[in-house]
Each structure stands twice: as C-alpha cells, then as structure tokens.
Amino acid sequence: MTAQTIAGYAHVNIGVTDLDAANEFYGGTLGLELLPRPDFGTFGGSWFRLGAAQLHLSVVERMPDWNSGAPHFALYVPTDDFLTTVDKLQAAGVEFTSPPRTREDFGVPVQAAFCRDPDGNLIELTDVAPFD
C-alpha cells in the first residue's frame, strides 16, 4: 500500500476550556473566519477557517493529555478513494476506533473514519477536501 491517496490535511481539532475566550482569541485577535458547526449534542465548540484548512475547537472540562480524549488531526482522502483506502489500511492491520460513517457538514454529506497511530494519537480520515 502506498500513501498516494492521502492528499493533505482537512482540519486540526484542539481542546479548550473557555469557549468564549478561545473564540475571541482565534476569531478576534487572530482574525480567523468563524464557520458554521454541526450540532454534535454532547459538547460545545467552534470551527474556523485556517488558510486552506480548518481549525476546530472542542470544549473540555480540563485540558487532555495528548494521548487520550478527542485531540486529533484529519487527513484528506478523495471521495472516490475513501472506502478503498480504509479497506487497505485495515488489511495492513490498522485498527479503526470508528468505522466509516457519513455525516453532514455545511449541508453536504461527507465520510469519516477514525484510527490511532502506534502511540495512540487519534487520526480522522475524511473526504472533506481542503479549501482552495
């Protein structure tokens, strides 16, 4: 298997404990564009445009250590290659913590699946392309 179907970052997610202060810093101080965010129901957060990618903020009670909780980074896989790429990774022994599923972002259905690297870092594979 080659990594040629992994084409770039889609977004990075970080934990924050004070969403208002974080929104002010990223949106006000740094001037990032606030994007619409789906209602995940279980936790608050914000999404920002960060160049051609996105920065996601997720509210946590306390800052997690880097190998637990939901901190992750996302790798873009084109839609036509998504399921084949997941299958190849599974065949290579990669365990997925969340199998491929479809959700709606910005009114468009997208695919996502989550796995961990050897150190336990959470990685999302998604067919959400980086912004042009």
N, C-alpha and C. Protein backbone atom coordinates (compact mmCIF):
# COMPACT_ATOMS: atom_id res chain seq x y z
N MET A 1 0.85 -1.19 0.00
CA MET A 1 0.00 0.00 0.00
C MET A 1 0.88 1.24 0.00
N THR A 2 0.49 2.22 -0.78
CA THR A 2 1.20 3.49 -0.77
C THR A 2 0.28 4.55 -0.20
N ALA A 3 0.87 5.64 0.23
CA ALA A 3 0.10 6.74 0.82
C ALA A 3 -0.37 7.74 -0.20
N GLN A 4 -0.29 7.42 -1.48
CA GLN A 4 -0.61 8.41 -2.50
C GLN A 4 -2.06 8.88 -2.48
N THR A 5 -2.99 8.13 -1.86
CA THR A 5 -4.38 8.59 -1.81
C THR A 5 -4.63 9.56 -0.67
N ILE A 6 -3.67 9.72 0.24
CA ILE A 6 -3.79 10.72 1.30
C ILE A 6 -3.24 12.02 0.72
N ALA A 7 -4.13 13.02 0.58
CA ALA A 7 -3.79 14.20 -0.21
C ALA A 7 -3.57 15.47 0.60
N GLY A 8 -3.74 15.44 1.92
CA GLY A 8 -3.50 16.65 2.69
C GLY A 8 -4.31 16.70 3.96
N TYR A 9 -4.16 17.76 4.70
CA TYR A 9 -4.92 17.98 5.93
C TYR A 9 -6.31 18.51 5.59
N ALA A 10 -7.31 18.13 6.37
CA ALA A 10 -8.64 18.69 6.29
C ALA A 10 -8.84 19.68 7.45
N HIS A 11 -8.54 19.22 8.69
CA HIS A 11 -8.63 20.11 9.85
C HIS A 11 -7.80 19.58 11.00
N VAL A 12 -7.58 20.45 11.98
CA VAL A 12 -6.95 20.08 13.25
C VAL A 12 -7.94 20.45 14.34
N ASN A 13 -8.10 19.57 15.33
CA ASN A 13 -9.01 19.80 16.45
C ASN A 13 -8.20 19.96 17.73
N ILE A 14 -8.52 20.99 18.51
CA ILE A 14 -7.84 21.19 19.80
C ILE A 14 -8.88 21.38 20.89
N GLY A 15 -8.50 21.03 22.11
CA GLY A 15 -9.37 21.22 23.27
C GLY A 15 -9.21 22.61 23.84
N VAL A 16 -10.33 23.15 24.34
CA VAL A 16 -10.33 24.44 25.04
C VAL A 16 -11.25 24.32 26.24
N THR A 17 -10.96 25.08 27.29
CA THR A 17 -11.82 25.04 28.47
C THR A 17 -12.77 26.23 28.55
N ASP A 18 -12.46 27.32 27.88
CA ASP A 18 -13.29 28.52 27.89
C ASP A 18 -13.55 28.93 26.45
N LEU A 19 -14.72 28.52 25.92
CA LEU A 19 -15.02 28.74 24.51
C LEU A 19 -15.10 30.22 24.16
N ASP A 20 -15.69 31.03 25.03
CA ASP A 20 -15.78 32.47 24.74
C ASP A 20 -14.40 33.09 24.58
N ALA A 21 -13.50 32.77 25.50
CA ALA A 21 -12.14 33.32 25.43
C ALA A 21 -11.42 32.79 24.18
N ALA A 22 -11.61 31.51 23.86
CA ALA A 22 -10.97 30.93 22.68
C ALA A 22 -11.50 31.56 21.40
N ASN A 23 -12.84 31.75 21.33
CA ASN A 23 -13.42 32.39 20.15
C ASN A 23 -12.90 33.81 19.97
N GLU A 24 -12.75 34.52 21.07
CA GLU A 24 -12.23 35.88 21.00
C GLU A 24 -10.78 35.88 20.50
N PHE A 25 -9.99 34.93 20.99
CA PHE A 25 -8.60 34.87 20.57
C PHE A 25 -8.48 34.49 19.09
N TYR A 26 -9.10 33.36 18.69
CA TYR A 26 -8.96 32.89 17.31
C TYR A 26 -9.72 33.76 16.31
N GLY A 27 -10.93 34.19 16.69
CA GLY A 27 -11.73 35.00 15.78
C GLY A 27 -11.39 36.47 15.84
N GLY A 28 -11.25 37.00 17.06
CA GLY A 28 -10.97 38.43 17.24
C GLY A 28 -9.50 38.77 17.09
N THR A 29 -8.67 38.19 17.94
CA THR A 29 -7.25 38.52 17.96
C THR A 29 -6.53 38.06 16.69
N LEU A 30 -6.75 36.79 16.29
CA LEU A 30 -6.07 36.27 15.11
C LEU A 30 -6.82 36.53 13.81
N GLY A 31 -8.10 36.90 13.91
CA GLY A 31 -8.87 37.25 12.73
C GLY A 31 -9.31 36.08 11.86
N LEU A 32 -9.40 34.87 12.43
CA LEU A 32 -9.86 33.73 11.65
C LEU A 32 -11.37 33.81 11.43
N GLU A 33 -11.82 33.34 10.28
CA GLU A 33 -13.24 33.35 9.93
C GLU A 33 -13.98 32.23 10.65
N LEU A 34 -15.02 32.58 11.41
CA LEU A 34 -15.86 31.59 12.09
C LEU A 34 -16.75 30.90 11.05
N LEU A 35 -16.79 29.57 11.11
CA LEU A 35 -17.58 28.76 10.18
C LEU A 35 -18.76 28.13 10.90
N PRO A 36 -19.82 27.75 10.17
CA PRO A 36 -20.92 27.03 10.81
C PRO A 36 -20.43 25.66 11.29
N ARG A 37 -20.97 25.22 12.41
CA ARG A 37 -20.57 23.94 13.02
C ARG A 37 -21.82 23.10 13.25
N PRO A 38 -21.78 21.81 12.87
CA PRO A 38 -22.93 20.95 13.16
C PRO A 38 -23.15 20.84 14.66
N ASP A 39 -24.38 20.56 15.08
CA ASP A 39 -24.69 20.36 16.49
C ASP A 39 -24.39 18.91 16.83
N PHE A 40 -23.29 18.68 17.55
CA PHE A 40 -22.92 17.33 17.94
C PHE A 40 -23.65 16.89 19.20
N GLY A 41 -24.32 17.82 19.88
CA GLY A 41 -25.15 17.49 21.02
C GLY A 41 -24.44 17.23 22.32
N THR A 42 -23.27 16.64 22.30
CA THR A 42 -22.62 16.25 23.55
C THR A 42 -21.53 17.20 24.01
N PHE A 43 -21.07 18.08 23.15
CA PHE A 43 -20.02 19.01 23.55
C PHE A 43 -20.06 20.25 22.67
N GLY A 44 -19.67 21.37 23.25
CA GLY A 44 -19.65 22.62 22.52
C GLY A 44 -18.35 22.80 21.76
N GLY A 45 -18.35 23.79 20.90
CA GLY A 45 -17.14 24.07 20.15
C GLY A 45 -17.38 25.09 19.06
N SER A 46 -16.33 25.37 18.32
CA SER A 46 -16.37 26.30 17.19
C SER A 46 -15.47 25.77 16.09
N TRP A 47 -15.78 26.19 14.87
CA TRP A 47 -14.94 25.86 13.72
C TRP A 47 -14.50 27.16 13.08
N PHE A 48 -13.23 27.20 12.65
CA PHE A 48 -12.65 28.36 12.00
C PHE A 48 -11.97 27.96 10.70
N ARG A 49 -11.98 28.88 9.74
CA ARG A 49 -11.18 28.69 8.52
C ARG A 49 -9.74 29.04 8.90
N LEU A 50 -8.83 28.18 8.49
CA LEU A 50 -7.41 28.41 8.75
C LEU A 50 -6.68 28.19 7.43
N GLY A 51 -6.55 29.24 6.63
CA GLY A 51 -5.98 29.10 5.30
C GLY A 51 -6.85 28.19 4.46
N ALA A 52 -6.23 27.17 3.89
CA ALA A 52 -6.96 26.22 3.07
C ALA A 52 -7.58 25.10 3.90
N ALA A 53 -7.35 25.09 5.19
CA ALA A 53 -7.86 24.04 6.08
C ALA A 53 -8.78 24.66 7.14
N GLN A 54 -9.04 23.90 8.18
CA GLN A 54 -9.90 24.37 9.26
C GLN A 54 -9.23 24.10 10.60
N LEU A 55 -9.58 24.90 11.60
CA LEU A 55 -9.21 24.69 12.99
C LEU A 55 -10.50 24.48 13.76
N HIS A 56 -10.61 23.35 14.44
CA HIS A 56 -11.79 23.05 15.25
C HIS A 56 -11.43 23.17 16.72
N LEU A 57 -12.32 23.79 17.48
CA LEU A 57 -12.17 23.89 18.93
C LEU A 57 -13.26 23.05 19.58
N SER A 58 -12.89 22.23 20.55
CA SER A 58 -13.85 21.41 21.29
C SER A 58 -13.71 21.73 22.76
N VAL A 59 -14.85 21.96 23.42
CA VAL A 59 -14.85 22.30 24.84
C VAL A 59 -14.59 21.04 25.67
N VAL A 60 -13.62 21.15 26.60
CA VAL A 60 -13.30 20.08 27.53
C VAL A 60 -13.30 20.64 28.94
N GLU A 61 -13.58 19.79 29.93
CA GLU A 61 -13.55 20.25 31.33
C GLU A 61 -12.15 20.63 31.77
N ARG A 62 -11.20 19.85 31.32
CA ARG A 62 -9.79 20.14 31.59
C ARG A 62 -9.01 19.75 30.35
N MET A 63 -7.88 20.34 30.18
CA MET A 63 -7.08 20.04 29.00
C MET A 63 -6.61 18.59 29.07
N PRO A 64 -6.85 17.83 28.00
CA PRO A 64 -6.46 16.42 28.00
C PRO A 64 -4.95 16.27 27.78
N ASP A 65 -4.44 15.07 28.17
CA ASP A 65 -3.07 14.81 27.74
C ASP A 65 -3.16 14.41 26.27
N TRP A 66 -2.06 14.44 25.58
CA TRP A 66 -2.10 14.28 24.12
C TRP A 66 -2.48 12.89 23.66
N ASN A 67 -2.47 11.89 24.54
CA ASN A 67 -2.77 10.53 24.11
C ASN A 67 -4.11 10.01 24.63
N SER A 68 -5.01 10.90 25.06
CA SER A 68 -6.34 10.48 25.47
C SER A 68 -7.34 11.55 25.05
N GLY A 69 -8.62 11.25 25.15
CA GLY A 69 -9.65 12.21 24.77
C GLY A 69 -9.82 12.26 23.27
N ALA A 70 -10.18 13.43 22.75
CA ALA A 70 -10.51 13.57 21.33
C ALA A 70 -9.55 14.42 20.51
N PRO A 71 -8.39 14.88 21.03
CA PRO A 71 -7.50 15.64 20.14
C PRO A 71 -7.10 14.77 18.95
N HIS A 72 -7.17 15.33 17.77
CA HIS A 72 -6.85 14.56 16.57
C HIS A 72 -6.46 15.48 15.43
N PHE A 73 -5.94 14.90 14.39
CA PHE A 73 -5.75 15.62 13.15
C PHE A 73 -6.43 14.82 12.05
N ALA A 74 -6.78 15.50 10.97
CA ALA A 74 -7.54 14.85 9.90
C ALA A 74 -6.74 14.85 8.61
N LEU A 75 -6.79 13.74 7.92
CA LEU A 75 -6.14 13.58 6.63
C LEU A 75 -7.20 13.47 5.55
N TYR A 76 -7.02 14.20 4.48
CA TYR A 76 -7.96 14.21 3.37
C TYR A 76 -7.71 13.04 2.43
N VAL A 77 -8.78 12.31 2.14
CA VAL A 77 -8.76 11.23 1.15
C VAL A 77 -9.89 11.52 0.17
N PRO A 78 -9.62 11.63 -1.13
CA PRO A 78 -10.68 11.91 -2.09
C PRO A 78 -11.82 10.89 -1.99
N THR A 79 -13.04 11.37 -2.20
CA THR A 79 -14.24 10.55 -2.05
C THR A 79 -14.14 9.23 -2.81
N ASP A 80 -13.69 9.26 -4.05
CA ASP A 80 -13.62 8.03 -4.86
C ASP A 80 -12.65 7.00 -4.31
N ASP A 81 -11.69 7.44 -3.50
CA ASP A 81 -10.68 6.54 -2.92
C ASP A 81 -10.93 6.22 -1.45
N PHE A 82 -11.97 6.81 -0.86
CA PHE A 82 -12.13 6.75 0.60
C PHE A 82 -12.26 5.32 1.12
N LEU A 83 -13.27 4.59 0.69
CA LEU A 83 -13.51 3.25 1.23
C LEU A 83 -12.38 2.29 0.87
N THR A 84 -11.82 2.41 -0.31
CA THR A 84 -10.70 1.57 -0.71
C THR A 84 -9.50 1.82 0.19
N THR A 85 -9.25 3.09 0.51
CA THR A 85 -8.13 3.43 1.39
C THR A 85 -8.34 2.86 2.78
N VAL A 86 -9.56 2.99 3.32
CA VAL A 86 -9.85 2.42 4.64
C VAL A 86 -9.66 0.91 4.61
N ASP A 87 -10.17 0.24 3.57
CA ASP A 87 -10.01 -1.20 3.44
C ASP A 87 -8.54 -1.61 3.40
N LYS A 88 -7.72 -0.88 2.64
CA LYS A 88 -6.29 -1.19 2.55
C LYS A 88 -5.60 -1.01 3.90
N LEU A 89 -5.98 0.04 4.62
CA LEU A 89 -5.38 0.27 5.94
C LEU A 89 -5.78 -0.83 6.92
N GLN A 90 -7.05 -1.24 6.89
CA GLN A 90 -7.49 -2.33 7.76
C GLN A 90 -6.76 -3.62 7.42
N ALA A 91 -6.58 -3.89 6.12
CA ALA A 91 -5.86 -5.09 5.69
C ALA A 91 -4.40 -5.06 6.15
N ALA A 92 -3.87 -3.85 6.31
CA ALA A 92 -2.49 -3.69 6.78
C ALA A 92 -2.38 -3.74 8.30
N GLY A 93 -3.52 -3.96 8.98
CA GLY A 93 -3.50 -4.10 10.43
C GLY A 93 -3.86 -2.86 11.22
N VAL A 94 -4.26 -1.80 10.55
CA VAL A 94 -4.67 -0.58 11.25
C VAL A 94 -6.04 -0.81 11.86
N GLU A 95 -6.17 -0.58 13.17
CA GLU A 95 -7.46 -0.70 13.85
C GLU A 95 -8.18 0.62 13.82
N PHE A 96 -9.45 0.59 13.47
CA PHE A 96 -10.27 1.79 13.43
C PHE A 96 -11.11 1.86 14.70
N THR A 97 -11.06 3.02 15.37
CA THR A 97 -11.86 3.23 16.57
C THR A 97 -13.29 3.60 16.22
N SER A 98 -13.49 4.09 15.00
CA SER A 98 -14.81 4.41 14.48
C SER A 98 -14.80 4.04 13.00
N PRO A 99 -15.68 3.13 12.60
CA PRO A 99 -15.69 2.72 11.19
C PRO A 99 -16.20 3.86 10.31
N PRO A 100 -16.05 3.72 9.00
CA PRO A 100 -16.55 4.76 8.09
C PRO A 100 -18.02 5.05 8.34
N ARG A 101 -18.34 6.33 8.38
CA ARG A 101 -19.73 6.76 8.54
C ARG A 101 -19.91 8.03 7.72
N THR A 102 -21.17 8.36 7.49
CA THR A 102 -21.50 9.58 6.75
C THR A 102 -22.19 10.55 7.69
N ARG A 103 -21.82 11.82 7.61
CA ARG A 103 -22.47 12.89 8.37
C ARG A 103 -22.64 14.06 7.42
N GLU A 104 -23.26 15.12 7.88
CA GLU A 104 -23.47 16.28 7.04
C GLU A 104 -22.67 17.47 7.58
N ASP A 105 -21.83 18.06 6.73
CA ASP A 105 -21.08 19.28 7.04
C ASP A 105 -21.44 20.32 5.99
N PHE A 106 -21.80 21.52 6.44
CA PHE A 106 -22.12 22.61 5.52
C PHE A 106 -23.19 22.20 4.51
N GLY A 107 -24.11 21.30 4.91
CA GLY A 107 -25.19 20.86 4.04
C GLY A 107 -24.78 19.81 3.02
N VAL A 108 -23.59 19.24 3.17
CA VAL A 108 -23.07 18.26 2.22
C VAL A 108 -22.71 16.97 2.98
N PRO A 109 -23.13 15.79 2.46
CA PRO A 109 -22.71 14.56 3.13
C PRO A 109 -21.22 14.31 2.95
N VAL A 110 -20.56 13.92 4.03
CA VAL A 110 -19.13 13.61 4.00
C VAL A 110 -18.90 12.28 4.71
N GLN A 111 -17.78 11.65 4.38
CA GLN A 111 -17.40 10.39 5.01
C GLN A 111 -16.28 10.64 6.00
N ALA A 112 -16.27 9.86 7.08
CA ALA A 112 -15.22 9.97 8.08
C ALA A 112 -15.02 8.61 8.74
N ALA A 113 -13.79 8.34 9.14
CA ALA A 113 -13.43 7.15 9.91
C ALA A 113 -12.25 7.54 10.79
N PHE A 114 -12.14 6.93 11.96
CA PHE A 114 -11.08 7.27 12.90
C PHE A 114 -10.23 6.04 13.22
N CYS A 115 -8.92 6.27 13.30
CA CYS A 115 -7.98 5.23 13.71
C CYS A 115 -6.94 5.88 14.62
N ARG A 116 -6.06 5.06 15.18
CA ARG A 116 -4.98 5.59 16.03
C ARG A 116 -3.63 5.18 15.45
N ASP A 117 -2.64 6.04 15.67
CA ASP A 117 -1.28 5.68 15.28
C ASP A 117 -0.68 4.78 16.36
N PRO A 118 0.54 4.31 16.19
CA PRO A 118 1.11 3.40 17.19
C PRO A 118 1.23 3.98 18.59
N ASP A 119 1.30 5.29 18.72
CA ASP A 119 1.37 5.93 20.03
C ASP A 119 0.00 6.28 20.59
N GLY A 120 -1.07 5.99 19.84
CA GLY A 120 -2.41 6.27 20.32
C GLY A 120 -2.99 7.58 19.86
N ASN A 121 -2.28 8.36 19.05
CA ASN A 121 -2.83 9.61 18.54
C ASN A 121 -3.99 9.32 17.60
N LEU A 122 -5.07 10.04 17.79
CA LEU A 122 -6.28 9.83 17.01
C LEU A 122 -6.17 10.54 15.67
N ILE A 123 -6.49 9.81 14.60
CA ILE A 123 -6.41 10.33 13.23
C ILE A 123 -7.76 10.15 12.57
N GLU A 124 -8.28 11.20 11.99
CA GLU A 124 -9.51 11.12 11.21
C GLU A 124 -9.15 11.09 9.73
N LEU A 125 -9.71 10.13 9.01
CA LEU A 125 -9.66 10.15 7.56
C LEU A 125 -10.99 10.70 7.10
N THR A 126 -10.96 11.65 6.19
CA THR A 126 -12.20 12.29 5.74
C THR A 126 -12.10 12.65 4.28
N ASP A 127 -13.27 12.68 3.63
CA ASP A 127 -13.27 13.13 2.23
C ASP A 127 -13.63 14.60 2.13
N VAL A 128 -13.53 15.32 3.24
CA VAL A 128 -13.70 16.77 3.21
C VAL A 128 -12.40 17.35 2.69
N ALA A 129 -12.45 17.90 1.50
CA ALA A 129 -11.25 18.44 0.87
C ALA A 129 -10.82 19.75 1.52
N PRO A 130 -9.51 20.02 1.51
CA PRO A 130 -9.06 21.34 1.97
C PRO A 130 -9.69 22.43 1.11
N PHE A 131 -9.88 23.61 1.70
CA PHE A 131 -10.39 24.74 0.94
C PHE A 131 -9.37 25.12 -0.13
N ASP A 132 -9.87 25.59 -1.27
CA ASP A 132 -8.97 26.07 -2.32
C ASP A 132 -8.45 27.43 -1.99
